[in-house]
Amino acid sequence: IHHLDDMLKSQQRKVRQMIEQLQNSKTVIQAKDAVI
């Protein structure tokens, strides 16, 4: 159970990081579109 809890927390961190990266990419794309 302890091991699964650690894995669960790690996967949740990865999901949050991926969502943050997607949001950052969208922001960069919008900025580049405005410059274009």
ModelCIF file with pLDDT and N, C-alpha, C, O atoms, coordinates in Angstrom:
data_MODEL
#
_entry.id   MODEL 
#
_entity.id                         1 
_entity.type                       polymer 
_entity.pdbx_number_of_molecules   1 
#
_entity_poly.entity_id                      1 
_entity_poly.type                           'polypeptide(L)' 
_entity_poly.nstd_linkage                   no 
_entity_poly.nstd_monomer                   no 
_entity_poly.pdbx_seq_one_letter_code       IHHLDDMLKSQQRKVRQMIEQLQNSKTVIQAKDAVI 
_entity_poly.pdbx_seq_one_letter_code_can   IHHLDDMLKSQQRKVRQMIEQLQNSKTVIQAKDAVI 
_entity_poly.pdbx_strand_id                 A 
#
loop_
_entity_poly_seq.entity_id 
_entity_poly_seq.num 
_entity_poly_seq.mon_id 
_entity_poly_seq.hetero 
1 1  ILE n 
1 2  HIS n 
1 3  HIS n 
1 4  LEU n 
1 5  ASP n 
1 6  ASP n 
1 7  MET n 
1 8  LEU n 
1 9  LYS n 
1 10 SER n 
1 11 GLN n 
1 12 GLN n 
1 13 ARG n 
1 14 LYS n 
1 15 VAL n 
1 16 ARG n 
1 17 GLN n 
1 18 MET n 
1 19 ILE n 
1 20 GLU n 
1 21 GLN n 
1 22 LEU n 
1 23 GLN n 
1 24 ASN n 
1 25 SER n 
1 26 LYS n 
1 27 THR n 
1 28 VAL n 
1 29 ILE n 
1 30 GLN n 
1 31 ALA n 
1 32 LYS n 
1 33 ASP n 
1 34 ALA n 
1 35 VAL n 
1 36 ILE n 
#
_struct_asym.id          A 
_struct_asym.entity_id   1 
#
loop_
_ma_qa_metric.id 
_ma_qa_metric.mode 
_ma_qa_metric.name 
_ma_qa_metric.software_group_id 
_ma_qa_metric.type 
1 global pLDDT . pLDDT 
2 local  pLDDT . pLDDT 
#
_ma_qa_metric_global.metric_id      1 
_ma_qa_metric_global.metric_value   94.14 
_ma_qa_metric_global.model_id       1 
_ma_qa_metric_global.ordinal_id     1 
#
loop_
_ma_qa_metric_local.label_asym_id 
_ma_qa_metric_local.label_comp_id 
_ma_qa_metric_local.label_seq_id 
_ma_qa_metric_local.metric_id 
_ma_qa_metric_local.metric_value 
_ma_qa_metric_local.model_id 
_ma_qa_metric_local.ordinal_id 
A ILE 1  2 92.00 1 1  
A HIS 2  2 94.00 1 2  
A HIS 3  2 94.00 1 3  
A LEU 4  2 91.00 1 4  
A ASP 5  2 92.00 1 5  
A ASP 6  2 94.00 1 6  
A MET 7  2 93.00 1 7  
A LEU 8  2 92.00 1 8  
A LYS 9  2 94.00 1 9  
A SER 10 2 93.00 1 10 
A GLN 11 2 92.00 1 11 
A GLN 12 2 92.00 1 12 
A ARG 13 2 94.00 1 13 
A LYS 14 2 93.00 1 14 
A VAL 15 2 92.00 1 15 
A ARG 16 2 94.00 1 16 
A GLN 17 2 95.00 1 17 
A MET 18 2 93.00 1 18 
A ILE 19 2 93.00 1 19 
A GLU 20 2 94.00 1 20 
A GLN 21 2 94.00 1 21 
A LEU 22 2 94.00 1 22 
A GLN 23 2 94.00 1 23 
A ASN 24 2 95.00 1 24 
A SER 25 2 95.00 1 25 
A LYS 26 2 95.00 1 26 
A THR 27 2 96.00 1 27 
A VAL 28 2 96.00 1 28 
A ILE 29 2 96.00 1 29 
A GLN 30 2 96.00 1 30 
A ALA 31 2 96.00 1 31 
A LYS 32 2 97.00 1 32 
A ASP 33 2 96.00 1 33 
A ALA 34 2 96.00 1 34 
A VAL 35 2 96.00 1 35 
A ILE 36 2 96.00 1 36 
#
loop_
_atom_site.group_PDB 
_atom_site.id 
_atom_site.type_symbol 
_atom_site.label_atom_id 
_atom_site.label_alt_id 
_atom_site.label_comp_id 
_atom_site.label_asym_id 
_atom_site.label_entity_id 
_atom_site.label_seq_id 
_atom_site.pdbx_PDB_ins_code 
_atom_site.Cartn_x 
_atom_site.Cartn_y 
_atom_site.Cartn_z 
_atom_site.occupancy 
_atom_site.B_iso_or_equiv 
_atom_site.pdbx_formal_charge 
_atom_site.auth_seq_id 
_atom_site.auth_comp_id 
_atom_site.auth_asym_id 
_atom_site.auth_atom_id 
_atom_site.pdbx_PDB_model_num 
ATOM 1   N N  . ILE A 1 1  ? 0.841  -1.207 0.000   1.00 92.00 ? 1  ILE A N  1 
ATOM 2   C CA . ILE A 1 1  ? 0.000  0.000  0.000   1.00 92.00 ? 1  ILE A CA 1 
ATOM 3   C C  . ILE A 1 1  ? 0.871  1.250  0.000   1.00 92.00 ? 1  ILE A C  1 
ATOM 4   O O  . ILE A 1 1  ? 0.603  2.203  -0.732  1.00 92.00 ? 1  ILE A O  1 
ATOM 5   N N  . HIS A 1 2  ? 1.904  1.242  0.817   1.00 94.00 ? 2  HIS A N  1 
ATOM 6   C CA . HIS A 1 2  ? 2.818  2.389  0.866   1.00 94.00 ? 2  HIS A CA 1 
ATOM 7   C C  . HIS A 1 2  ? 3.473  2.619  -0.503  1.00 94.00 ? 2  HIS A C  1 
ATOM 8   O O  . HIS A 1 2  ? 3.580  3.750  -0.976  1.00 94.00 ? 2  HIS A O  1 
ATOM 9   N N  . HIS A 1 3  ? 3.904  1.522  -1.121  1.00 94.00 ? 3  HIS A N  1 
ATOM 10  C CA . HIS A 1 3  ? 4.522  1.613  -2.445  1.00 94.00 ? 3  HIS A CA 1 
ATOM 11  C C  . HIS A 1 3  ? 3.524  2.153  -3.470  1.00 94.00 ? 3  HIS A C  1 
ATOM 12  O O  . HIS A 1 3  ? 3.869  3.012  -4.281  1.00 94.00 ? 3  HIS A O  1 
ATOM 13  N N  . LEU A 1 4  ? 2.288  1.651  -3.436  1.00 91.00 ? 4  LEU A N  1 
ATOM 14  C CA . LEU A 1 4  ? 1.258  2.135  -4.358  1.00 91.00 ? 4  LEU A CA 1 
ATOM 15  C C  . LEU A 1 4  ? 0.944  3.613  -4.126  1.00 91.00 ? 4  LEU A C  1 
ATOM 16  O O  . LEU A 1 4  ? 0.727  4.363  -5.077  1.00 91.00 ? 4  LEU A O  1 
ATOM 17  N N  . ASP A 1 5  ? 0.920  4.024  -2.861  1.00 92.00 ? 5  ASP A N  1 
ATOM 18  C CA . ASP A 1 5  ? 0.697  5.447  -2.568  1.00 92.00 ? 5  ASP A CA 1 
ATOM 19  C C  . ASP A 1 5  ? 1.797  6.308  -3.184  1.00 92.00 ? 5  ASP A C  1 
ATOM 20  O O  . ASP A 1 5  ? 1.525  7.358  -3.767  1.00 92.00 ? 5  ASP A O  1 
ATOM 21  N N  . ASP A 1 6  ? 3.042  5.851  -3.046  1.00 94.00 ? 6  ASP A N  1 
ATOM 22  C CA . ASP A 1 6  ? 4.164  6.600  -3.637  1.00 94.00 ? 6  ASP A CA 1 
ATOM 23  C C  . ASP A 1 6  ? 4.033  6.670  -5.158  1.00 94.00 ? 6  ASP A C  1 
ATOM 24  O O  . ASP A 1 6  ? 4.239  7.725  -5.759  1.00 94.00 ? 6  ASP A O  1 
ATOM 25  N N  . MET A 1 7  ? 3.690  5.545  -5.769  1.00 93.00 ? 7  MET A N  1 
ATOM 26  C CA . MET A 1 7  ? 3.532  5.523  -7.228  1.00 93.00 ? 7  MET A CA 1 
ATOM 27  C C  . MET A 1 7  ? 2.380  6.419  -7.656  1.00 93.00 ? 7  MET A C  1 
ATOM 28  O O  . MET A 1 7  ? 2.488  7.127  -8.658  1.00 93.00 ? 7  MET A O  1 
ATOM 29  N N  . LEU A 1 8  ? 1.299  6.399  -6.925  1.00 92.00 ? 8  LEU A N  1 
ATOM 30  C CA . LEU A 1 8  ? 0.129  7.219  -7.229  1.00 92.00 ? 8  LEU A CA 1 
ATOM 31  C C  . LEU A 1 8  ? 0.497  8.707  -7.174  1.00 92.00 ? 8  LEU A C  1 
ATOM 32  O O  . LEU A 1 8  ? 0.132  9.471  -8.068  1.00 92.00 ? 8  LEU A O  1 
ATOM 33  N N  . LYS A 1 9  ? 1.202  9.104  -6.148  1.00 94.00 ? 9  LYS A N  1 
ATOM 34  C CA . LYS A 1 9  ? 1.632  10.502 -6.023  1.00 94.00 ? 9  LYS A CA 1 
ATOM 35  C C  . LYS A 1 9  ? 2.567  10.891 -7.163  1.00 94.00 ? 9  LYS A C  1 
ATOM 36  O O  . LYS A 1 9  ? 2.465  11.991 -7.706  1.00 94.00 ? 9  LYS A O  1 
ATOM 37  N N  . SER A 1 10 ? 3.473  9.992  -7.525  1.00 93.00 ? 10 SER A N  1 
ATOM 38  C CA . SER A 1 10 ? 4.399  10.260 -8.623  1.00 93.00 ? 10 SER A CA 1 
ATOM 39  C C  . SER A 1 10 ? 3.645  10.446 -9.938  1.00 93.00 ? 10 SER A C  1 
ATOM 40  O O  . SER A 1 10 ? 3.931  11.372 -10.697 1.00 93.00 ? 10 SER A O  1 
ATOM 41  N N  . GLN A 1 11 ? 2.681  9.566  -10.203 1.00 92.00 ? 11 GLN A N  1 
ATOM 42  C CA . GLN A 1 11 ? 1.891  9.685  -11.441 1.00 92.00 ? 11 GLN A CA 1 
ATOM 43  C C  . GLN A 1 11 ? 1.068  10.967 -11.448 1.00 92.00 ? 11 GLN A C  1 
ATOM 44  O O  . GLN A 1 11 ? 0.932  11.607 -12.491 1.00 92.00 ? 11 GLN A O  1 
ATOM 45  N N  . GLN A 1 12 ? 0.531  11.340 -10.326 1.00 92.00 ? 12 GLN A N  1 
ATOM 46  C CA . GLN A 1 12 ? -0.236 12.589 -10.246 1.00 92.00 ? 12 GLN A CA 1 
ATOM 47  C C  . GLN A 1 12 ? 0.660  13.786 -10.536 1.00 92.00 ? 12 GLN A C  1 
ATOM 48  O O  . GLN A 1 12 ? 0.244  14.726 -11.213 1.00 92.00 ? 12 GLN A O  1 
ATOM 49  N N  . ARG A 1 13 ? 1.893  13.754 -10.024 1.00 94.00 ? 13 ARG A N  1 
ATOM 50  C CA . ARG A 1 13 ? 2.846  14.847 -10.317 1.00 94.00 ? 13 ARG A CA 1 
ATOM 51  C C  . ARG A 1 13 ? 3.134  14.915 -11.807 1.00 94.00 ? 13 ARG A C  1 
ATOM 52  O O  . ARG A 1 13 ? 3.185  15.996 -12.392 1.00 94.00 ? 13 ARG A O  1 
ATOM 53  N N  . LYS A 1 14 ? 3.325  13.736 -12.422 1.00 93.00 ? 14 LYS A N  1 
ATOM 54  C CA . LYS A 1 14 ? 3.602  13.699 -13.859 1.00 93.00 ? 14 LYS A CA 1 
ATOM 55  C C  . LYS A 1 14 ? 2.431  14.270 -14.650 1.00 93.00 ? 14 LYS A C  1 
ATOM 56  O O  . LYS A 1 14 ? 2.633  15.034 -15.594 1.00 93.00 ? 14 LYS A O  1 
ATOM 57  N N  . VAL A 1 15 ? 1.221  13.908 -14.274 1.00 92.00 ? 15 VAL A N  1 
ATOM 58  C CA . VAL A 1 15 ? 0.041  14.419 -14.973 1.00 92.00 ? 15 VAL A CA 1 
ATOM 59  C C  . VAL A 1 15 ? -0.031 15.939 -14.826 1.00 92.00 ? 15 VAL A C  1 
ATOM 60  O O  . VAL A 1 15 ? -0.293 16.643 -15.802 1.00 92.00 ? 15 VAL A O  1 
ATOM 61  N N  . ARG A 1 16 ? 0.197  16.441 -13.634 1.00 94.00 ? 16 ARG A N  1 
ATOM 62  C CA . ARG A 1 16 ? 0.174  17.902 -13.418 1.00 94.00 ? 16 ARG A CA 1 
ATOM 63  C C  . ARG A 1 16 ? 1.248  18.591 -14.252 1.00 94.00 ? 16 ARG A C  1 
ATOM 64  O O  . ARG A 1 16 ? 0.997  19.644 -14.839 1.00 94.00 ? 16 ARG A O  1 
ATOM 65  N N  . GLN A 1 17 ? 2.440  18.004 -14.308 1.00 95.00 ? 17 GLN A N  1 
ATOM 66  C CA . GLN A 1 17 ? 3.513  18.595 -15.108 1.00 95.00 ? 17 GLN A CA 1 
ATOM 67  C C  . GLN A 1 17 ? 3.161  18.598 -16.583 1.00 95.00 ? 17 GLN A C  1 
ATOM 68  O O  . GLN A 1 17 ? 3.433  19.574 -17.282 1.00 95.00 ? 17 GLN A O  1 
ATOM 69  N N  . MET A 1 18 ? 2.557  17.518 -17.067 1.00 93.00 ? 18 MET A N  1 
ATOM 70  C CA . MET A 1 18 ? 2.183  17.460 -18.484 1.00 93.00 ? 18 MET A CA 1 
ATOM 71  C C  . MET A 1 18 ? 1.108  18.497 -18.802 1.00 93.00 ? 18 MET A C  1 
ATOM 72  O O  . MET A 1 18 ? 1.162  19.141 -19.850 1.00 93.00 ? 18 MET A O  1 
ATOM 73  N N  . ILE A 1 19 ? 0.150  18.660 -17.922 1.00 93.00 ? 19 ILE A N  1 
ATOM 74  C CA . ILE A 1 19 ? -0.893 19.667 -18.128 1.00 93.00 ? 19 ILE A CA 1 
ATOM 75  C C  . ILE A 1 19 ? -0.271 21.059 -18.130 1.00 93.00 ? 19 ILE A C  1 
ATOM 76  O O  . ILE A 1 19 ? -0.633 21.899 -18.954 1.00 93.00 ? 19 ILE A O  1 
ATOM 77  N N  . GLU A 1 20 ? 0.648  21.304 -17.224 1.00 94.00 ? 20 GLU A N  1 
ATOM 78  C CA . GLU A 1 20 ? 1.333  22.606 -17.170 1.00 94.00 ? 20 GLU A CA 1 
ATOM 79  C C  . GLU A 1 20 ? 2.128  22.852 -18.454 1.00 94.00 ? 20 GLU A C  1 
ATOM 80  O O  . GLU A 1 20 ? 2.127  23.964 -18.981 1.00 94.00 ? 20 GLU A O  1 
ATOM 81  N N  . GLN A 1 21 ? 2.806  21.817 -18.956 1.00 94.00 ? 21 GLN A N  1 
ATOM 82  C CA . GLN A 1 21 ? 3.553  21.965 -20.201 1.00 94.00 ? 21 GLN A CA 1 
ATOM 83  C C  . GLN A 1 21 ? 2.622  22.277 -21.364 1.00 94.00 ? 21 GLN A C  1 
ATOM 84  O O  . GLN A 1 21 ? 2.952  23.104 -22.214 1.00 94.00 ? 21 GLN A O  1 
ATOM 85  N N  . LEU A 1 22 ? 1.463  21.626 -21.412 1.00 94.00 ? 22 LEU A N  1 
ATOM 86  C CA . LEU A 1 22 ? 0.490  21.904 -22.461 1.00 94.00 ? 22 LEU A CA 1 
ATOM 87  C C  . LEU A 1 22 ? 0.014  23.346 -22.386 1.00 94.00 ? 22 LEU A C  1 
ATOM 88  O O  . LEU A 1 22 ? -0.102 24.018 -23.410 1.00 94.00 ? 22 LEU A O  1 
ATOM 89  N N  . GLN A 1 23 ? -0.260 23.821 -21.184 1.00 94.00 ? 23 GLN A N  1 
ATOM 90  C CA . GLN A 1 23 ? -0.712 25.201 -21.026 1.00 94.00 ? 23 GLN A CA 1 
ATOM 91  C C  . GLN A 1 23 ? 0.388  26.182 -21.432 1.00 94.00 ? 23 GLN A C  1 
ATOM 92  O O  . GLN A 1 23 ? 0.112  27.194 -22.076 1.00 94.00 ? 23 GLN A O  1 
ATOM 93  N N  . ASN A 1 24 ? 1.627  25.885 -21.058 1.00 95.00 ? 24 ASN A N  1 
ATOM 94  C CA . ASN A 1 24 ? 2.735  26.758 -21.448 1.00 95.00 ? 24 ASN A CA 1 
ATOM 95  C C  . ASN A 1 24 ? 2.908  26.778 -22.958 1.00 95.00 ? 24 ASN A C  1 
ATOM 96  O O  . ASN A 1 24 ? 3.164  27.829 -23.545 1.00 95.00 ? 24 ASN A O  1 
ATOM 97  N N  . SER A 1 25 ? 2.768  25.620 -23.585 1.00 95.00 ? 25 SER A N  1 
ATOM 98  C CA . SER A 1 25 ? 2.893  25.550 -25.039 1.00 95.00 ? 25 SER A CA 1 
ATOM 99  C C  . SER A 1 25 ? 1.796  26.359 -25.720 1.00 95.00 ? 25 SER A C  1 
ATOM 100 O O  . SER A 1 25 ? 2.054  27.057 -26.700 1.00 95.00 ? 25 SER A O  1 
ATOM 101 N N  . LYS A 1 26 ? 0.582  26.266 -25.207 1.00 95.00 ? 26 LYS A N  1 
ATOM 102 C CA . LYS A 1 26 ? -0.522 27.045 -25.775 1.00 95.00 ? 26 LYS A CA 1 
ATOM 103 C C  . LYS A 1 26 ? -0.243 28.545 -25.657 1.00 95.00 ? 26 LYS A C  1 
ATOM 104 O O  . LYS A 1 26 ? -0.520 29.307 -26.583 1.00 95.00 ? 26 LYS A O  1 
ATOM 105 N N  . THR A 1 27 ? 0.301  28.961 -24.524 1.00 96.00 ? 27 THR A N  1 
ATOM 106 C CA . THR A 1 27 ? 0.617  30.375 -24.324 1.00 96.00 ? 27 THR A CA 1 
ATOM 107 C C  . THR A 1 27 ? 1.689  30.833 -25.309 1.00 96.00 ? 27 THR A C  1 
ATOM 108 O O  . THR A 1 27 ? 1.586  31.914 -25.888 1.00 96.00 ? 27 THR A O  1 
ATOM 109 N N  . VAL A 1 28 ? 2.712  30.012 -25.497 1.00 96.00 ? 28 VAL A N  1 
ATOM 110 C CA . VAL A 1 28 ? 3.784  30.350 -26.443 1.00 96.00 ? 28 VAL A CA 1 
ATOM 111 C C  . VAL A 1 28 ? 3.233  30.442 -27.862 1.00 96.00 ? 28 VAL A C  1 
ATOM 112 O O  . VAL A 1 28 ? 3.583  31.355 -28.611 1.00 96.00 ? 28 VAL A O  1 
ATOM 113 N N  . ILE A 1 29 ? 2.374  29.498 -28.228 1.00 96.00 ? 29 ILE A N  1 
ATOM 114 C CA . ILE A 1 29 ? 1.791  29.502 -29.573 1.00 96.00 ? 29 ILE A CA 1 
ATOM 115 C C  . ILE A 1 29 ? 0.946  30.752 -29.780 1.00 96.00 ? 29 ILE A C  1 
ATOM 116 O O  . ILE A 1 29 ? 1.005  31.369 -30.844 1.00 96.00 ? 29 ILE A O  1 
ATOM 117 N N  . GLN A 1 30 ? 0.165  31.130 -28.781 1.00 96.00 ? 30 GLN A N  1 
ATOM 118 C CA . GLN A 1 30 ? -0.661 32.330 -28.899 1.00 96.00 ? 30 GLN A CA 1 
ATOM 119 C C  . GLN A 1 30 ? 0.211  33.570 -29.065 1.00 96.00 ? 30 GLN A C  1 
ATOM 120 O O  . GLN A 1 30 ? -0.106 34.454 -29.861 1.00 96.00 ? 30 GLN A O  1 
ATOM 121 N N  . ALA A 1 31 ? 1.300  33.635 -28.320 1.00 96.00 ? 31 ALA A N  1 
ATOM 122 C CA . ALA A 1 31 ? 2.204  34.785 -28.429 1.00 96.00 ? 31 ALA A CA 1 
ATOM 123 C C  . ALA A 1 31 ? 2.830  34.839 -29.820 1.00 96.00 ? 31 ALA A C  1 
ATOM 124 O O  . ALA A 1 31 ? 2.940  35.912 -30.415 1.00 96.00 ? 31 ALA A O  1 
ATOM 125 N N  . LYS A 1 32 ? 3.242  33.677 -30.339 1.00 97.00 ? 32 LYS A N  1 
ATOM 126 C CA . LYS A 1 32 ? 3.845  33.640 -31.670 1.00 97.00 ? 32 LYS A CA 1 
ATOM 127 C C  . LYS A 1 32 ? 2.819  33.986 -32.744 1.00 97.00 ? 32 LYS A C  1 
ATOM 128 O O  . LYS A 1 32 ? 3.153  34.652 -33.724 1.00 97.00 ? 32 LYS A O  1 
ATOM 129 N N  . ASP A 1 33 ? 1.573  33.540 -32.572 1.00 96.00 ? 33 ASP A N  1 
ATOM 130 C CA . ASP A 1 33 ? 0.516  33.900 -33.513 1.00 96.00 ? 33 ASP A CA 1 
ATOM 131 C C  . ASP A 1 33 ? 0.303  35.415 -33.534 1.00 96.00 ? 33 ASP A C  1 
ATOM 132 O O  . ASP A 1 33 ? 0.105  36.004 -34.597 1.00 96.00 ? 33 ASP A O  1 
ATOM 133 N N  . ALA A 1 34 ? 0.344  36.038 -32.358 1.00 96.00 ? 34 ALA A N  1 
ATOM 134 C CA . ALA A 1 34 ? 0.178  37.489 -32.289 1.00 96.00 ? 34 ALA A CA 1 
ATOM 135 C C  . ALA A 1 34 ? 1.326  38.196 -33.013 1.00 96.00 ? 34 ALA A C  1 
ATOM 136 O O  . ALA A 1 34 ? 1.104  39.174 -33.728 1.00 96.00 ? 34 ALA A O  1 
ATOM 137 N N  . VAL A 1 35 ? 2.550  37.701 -32.827 1.00 96.00 ? 35 VAL A N  1 
ATOM 138 C CA . VAL A 1 35 ? 3.706  38.295 -33.507 1.00 96.00 ? 35 VAL A CA 1 
ATOM 139 C C  . VAL A 1 35 ? 3.578  38.116 -35.021 1.00 96.00 ? 35 VAL A C  1 
ATOM 140 O O  . VAL A 1 35 ? 3.875  39.038 -35.782 1.00 96.00 ? 35 VAL A O  1 
ATOM 141 N N  . ILE A 1 36 ? 3.142  36.947 -35.455 1.00 96.00 ? 36 ILE A N  1 
ATOM 142 C CA . ILE A 1 36 ? 2.966  36.685 -36.888 1.00 96.00 ? 36 ILE A CA 1 
ATOM 143 C C  . ILE A 1 36 ? 1.930  37.637 -37.470 1.00 96.00 ? 36 ILE A C  1 
ATOM 144 O O  . ILE A 1 36 ? 1.639  37.577 -38.665 1.00 96.00 ? 36 ILE A O  1 
#
